[in-house]
Protein backbone atom coordinates (compact mmCIF):
# COMPACT_ATOMS: atom_id res chain seq x y z
CA MET A 1 186.26 164.42 97.94
CA SER A 2 182.84 164.89 99.49
CA PRO A 3 181.15 162.09 101.47
CA ARG A 4 178.31 162.16 98.92
CA ALA A 5 180.72 161.51 96.03
CA LEU A 6 182.42 158.71 98.00
CA ALA A 7 179.09 157.07 98.76
CA LEU A 8 177.91 157.38 95.17
CA GLY A 9 181.19 155.83 93.99
CA ALA A 10 180.69 152.94 96.43
CA VAL A 11 177.15 152.31 95.17
CA LEU A 12 178.27 152.31 91.54
CA SER A 13 181.22 150.01 92.16
CA MET A 14 179.03 147.53 94.05
CA ALA A 15 176.42 147.56 91.31
CA LEU A 16 179.06 146.91 88.67
CA ALA A 17 180.65 144.16 90.75
CA SER A 18 177.33 142.34 91.04
CA THR A 19 176.84 141.81 87.30
CA ALA A 20 176.37 138.18 86.28
CA GLN A 21 179.39 136.14 85.29
CA ALA A 22 179.34 133.76 82.32
CA SER A 23 178.81 130.12 83.22
CA LEU A 24 178.06 126.77 81.69
CA VAL A 25 175.12 126.88 79.29
CA THR A 26 173.07 123.70 78.79
CA TRP A 27 172.44 122.92 75.11
CA THR A 28 169.83 120.36 74.03
CA LEU A 29 169.99 118.28 70.83
CA ASN A 30 166.84 118.64 68.70
CA ASP A 31 165.93 116.31 65.80
CA VAL A 32 169.56 115.29 65.19
CA SER A 33 169.53 112.48 62.62
CA PHE A 34 172.07 110.38 60.73
CA ASP A 35 172.12 109.21 57.12
CA ASP A 36 171.11 105.67 58.22
CA GLY A 37 167.90 106.94 59.86
CA SER A 38 169.19 106.76 63.43
CA THR A 39 169.12 109.68 65.86
CA ALA A 40 171.08 111.43 68.60
CA THR A 41 169.40 112.89 71.68
CA GLY A 42 170.57 114.47 74.92
CA TRP A 43 172.32 117.58 76.19
CA PHE A 44 175.70 119.08 76.99
CA GLN A 45 177.05 122.06 78.91
CA TRP A 46 179.36 124.60 77.30
CA ASP A 47 180.98 127.87 78.44
CA SER A 48 182.21 129.69 75.35
CA SER A 49 183.99 132.39 77.36
CA ALA A 50 186.19 130.00 79.34
CA TRP A 51 189.77 129.02 78.50
CA ASN A 52 191.02 125.50 79.21
CA PRO A 53 194.84 125.33 79.13
CA THR A 54 194.80 121.52 78.87
CA LEU A 55 192.57 121.61 75.79
CA ALA A 56 194.73 124.36 74.31
CA THR A 57 197.80 122.12 74.72
CA ASP A 58 196.16 118.88 73.53
CA ASP A 59 194.07 120.13 70.61
CA PRO A 60 195.74 122.09 67.80
CA TRP A 61 192.33 123.37 66.63
CA TYR A 62 191.24 124.66 70.06
CA THR A 63 189.77 128.17 69.89
CA GLY A 64 188.49 128.57 73.43
CA GLY A 65 185.65 127.42 75.62
CA ASP A 66 185.22 124.64 78.12
CA TYR A 67 182.71 121.86 78.62
CA GLY A 68 180.87 120.63 81.69
CA GLU A 69 178.54 117.69 82.12
CA TYR A 70 177.01 115.93 79.12
CA SER A 71 174.67 113.04 78.31
CA ILE A 72 174.18 112.16 74.64
CA GLN A 73 172.72 108.91 73.36
CA THR A 74 172.77 107.68 69.77
CA SER A 75 170.35 105.02 68.57
CA THR A 76 171.67 101.62 67.58
CA ASN A 77 172.01 100.80 63.89
CA GLY A 78 174.70 98.99 61.90
CA GLY A 79 176.95 98.33 64.88
CA LEU A 80 176.82 101.92 66.06
CA GLY A 81 175.00 103.46 69.00
CA TRP A 82 176.62 104.73 72.17
CA ASN A 83 175.94 106.56 75.41
CA TYR A 84 178.33 109.51 75.79
CA ASN A 85 177.97 110.46 79.43
CA SER A 86 180.27 112.50 81.67
CA ALA A 87 178.92 110.72 84.76
CA ASP A 88 180.46 107.37 83.78
CA GLY A 89 183.98 108.80 83.77
CA ASN A 90 184.84 107.03 80.53
CA ASN A 91 184.34 109.81 78.02
CA ILE A 92 186.15 113.03 77.26
CA GLY A 93 184.76 116.09 75.53
CA TYR A 94 186.60 118.83 73.71
CA PHE A 95 185.95 121.87 71.58
CA SER A 96 187.77 122.40 68.35
CA ASN A 97 187.68 124.23 65.08
CA LEU A 98 187.67 121.13 62.90
CA TRP A 99 188.28 121.65 59.20
CA GLY A 100 187.21 125.28 59.49
CA SER A 101 183.90 124.50 61.20
CA THR A 102 182.91 125.09 64.80
CA GLY A 103 182.39 121.73 66.44
CA LEU A 104 182.20 119.66 69.59
CA ALA A 105 183.31 116.06 69.87
CA TRP A 106 182.93 113.32 72.44
CA ALA A 107 185.07 110.21 72.49
CA GLY A 108 185.45 107.09 74.55
CA TYR A 109 188.33 106.79 76.99
CA ALA A 110 190.40 104.68 74.58
CA LEU A 111 191.15 104.66 70.85
CA ASP A 112 188.99 101.58 70.30
CA THR A 113 185.74 103.19 71.52
CA PRO A 114 183.19 105.23 69.55
CA TYR A 115 183.33 108.97 69.03
CA LEU A 116 180.75 111.57 68.02
CA ASP A 117 181.36 114.91 66.31
CA LEU A 118 178.79 117.68 65.92
CA MET A 119 179.61 120.54 63.52
CA PHE A 120 177.64 123.78 63.90
CA ALA A 121 176.66 126.55 61.47
CA THR A 122 178.00 129.14 63.94
CA ALA A 123 179.90 129.09 67.20
CA LEU A 124 177.95 128.40 70.38
CA THR A 125 177.73 131.46 72.62
CA ASP A 126 176.92 132.02 76.27
CA ALA A 127 173.79 133.87 75.13
CA GLY A 128 172.11 130.61 74.02
CA GLY A 129 169.69 130.46 71.10
CA THR A 130 169.30 127.85 68.36
CA VAL A 131 172.18 126.73 66.14
CA SER A 132 171.97 124.33 63.19
CA VAL A 133 173.98 121.12 63.21
CA VAL A 134 175.39 121.21 59.68
CA ASP A 135 177.57 118.10 59.71
CA GLY A 136 179.18 115.53 61.94
CA TRP A 137 179.46 111.82 62.33
CA GLU A 138 179.69 108.90 64.70
CA CYS A 139 182.29 106.17 64.18
CA THR A 140 183.01 102.94 66.03
CA ASP A 141 186.59 104.13 66.75
CA VAL A 142 189.21 106.54 65.45
CA SER A 143 190.65 104.10 62.91
CA SER A 144 187.33 102.70 61.67
CA THR A 145 185.59 103.12 58.38
CA THR A 146 182.30 102.19 60.09
CA CYS A 147 180.76 105.63 60.43
CA ARG A 148 177.47 107.41 59.87
CA GLN A 149 177.05 111.06 58.97
CA ILE A 150 174.72 113.59 60.60
CA THR A 151 172.24 114.98 58.07
CA ALA A 152 170.02 117.31 60.13
CA GLY A 153 169.31 118.81 63.52
CA THR A 154 169.79 121.77 65.83
CA VAL A 155 171.02 122.48 69.33
CA SER A 156 169.28 125.04 71.52
CA ALA A 157 169.73 126.72 74.87
CA VAL A 158 167.37 129.04 76.72
CA ILE A 159 169.12 131.42 79.09
CA ALA A 160 167.12 132.67 82.06
CA ALA A 161 167.46 136.33 82.98
CA ALA A 162 170.26 136.92 85.46
CA VAL A 163 169.10 137.19 89.05
CA PRO A 164 171.31 139.25 91.38
CA GLU A 165 172.83 137.37 94.28
CA PRO A 166 171.25 138.20 97.67
CA ALA A 167 174.61 139.27 99.10
CA SER A 168 175.14 141.74 96.26
CA LEU A 169 171.67 143.19 96.76
CA ALA A 170 172.37 143.55 100.48
CA LEU A 171 175.60 145.46 99.78
CA VAL A 172 173.83 147.83 97.42
CA GLY A 173 171.11 148.31 100.04
CA VAL A 174 173.69 149.17 102.72
CA ALA A 175 175.36 151.66 100.38
CA LEU A 176 172.01 153.31 99.57
CA ALA A 177 171.19 153.51 103.27
CA GLY A 178 174.56 155.20 103.80
CA LEU A 179 173.74 157.71 101.07
CA ALA A 180 170.39 158.44 102.68
CA THR A 181 172.06 158.96 106.06
CA ILE A 182 174.64 161.36 104.60
CA ARG A 183 171.91 163.31 102.81
CA ARG A 184 169.78 163.53 105.96
CA ARG A 185 172.74 164.87 107.98
CA LYS A 186 173.40 167.59 105.39
CA SER A 187 169.77 168.76 105.49
């Protein structure tokens, strides 16, 4: 194989290796409201392309994806209202396909703490966008009948264009310089 072909192959392989990898996408709650007039605000991180073996074992409805940090607050009304926050170490998040709908849920660290479910019109993707919240609820605990239902809202994520890593750009630059050197020697 000629040195030119080898160098060209090196450039192409480095360029392909430097493509962006999927990562956690930050989704923001917009105008999420409950049937009692209260609201939910905040954000959460989600990577739809990830696979979490623990979630797959623990949740029979798990279809893939993994969560990161989250901070969601619901306003107080009728004994409900909670701060679901990954920083406090007391809440867990999981992704599931509940009752045939794509949804996320956050729960307290014990069965006697509140939980929040958000059900979406379509699955969340790593491409971002805006997705309608079509259903969901917040309850005081898993065995409670004290719940309120979500009636409206969306979640949205804006994905910035991928920026190549400096090290990847440097490798491509070295390979191009090598190509130029080989070409100059042949001339």
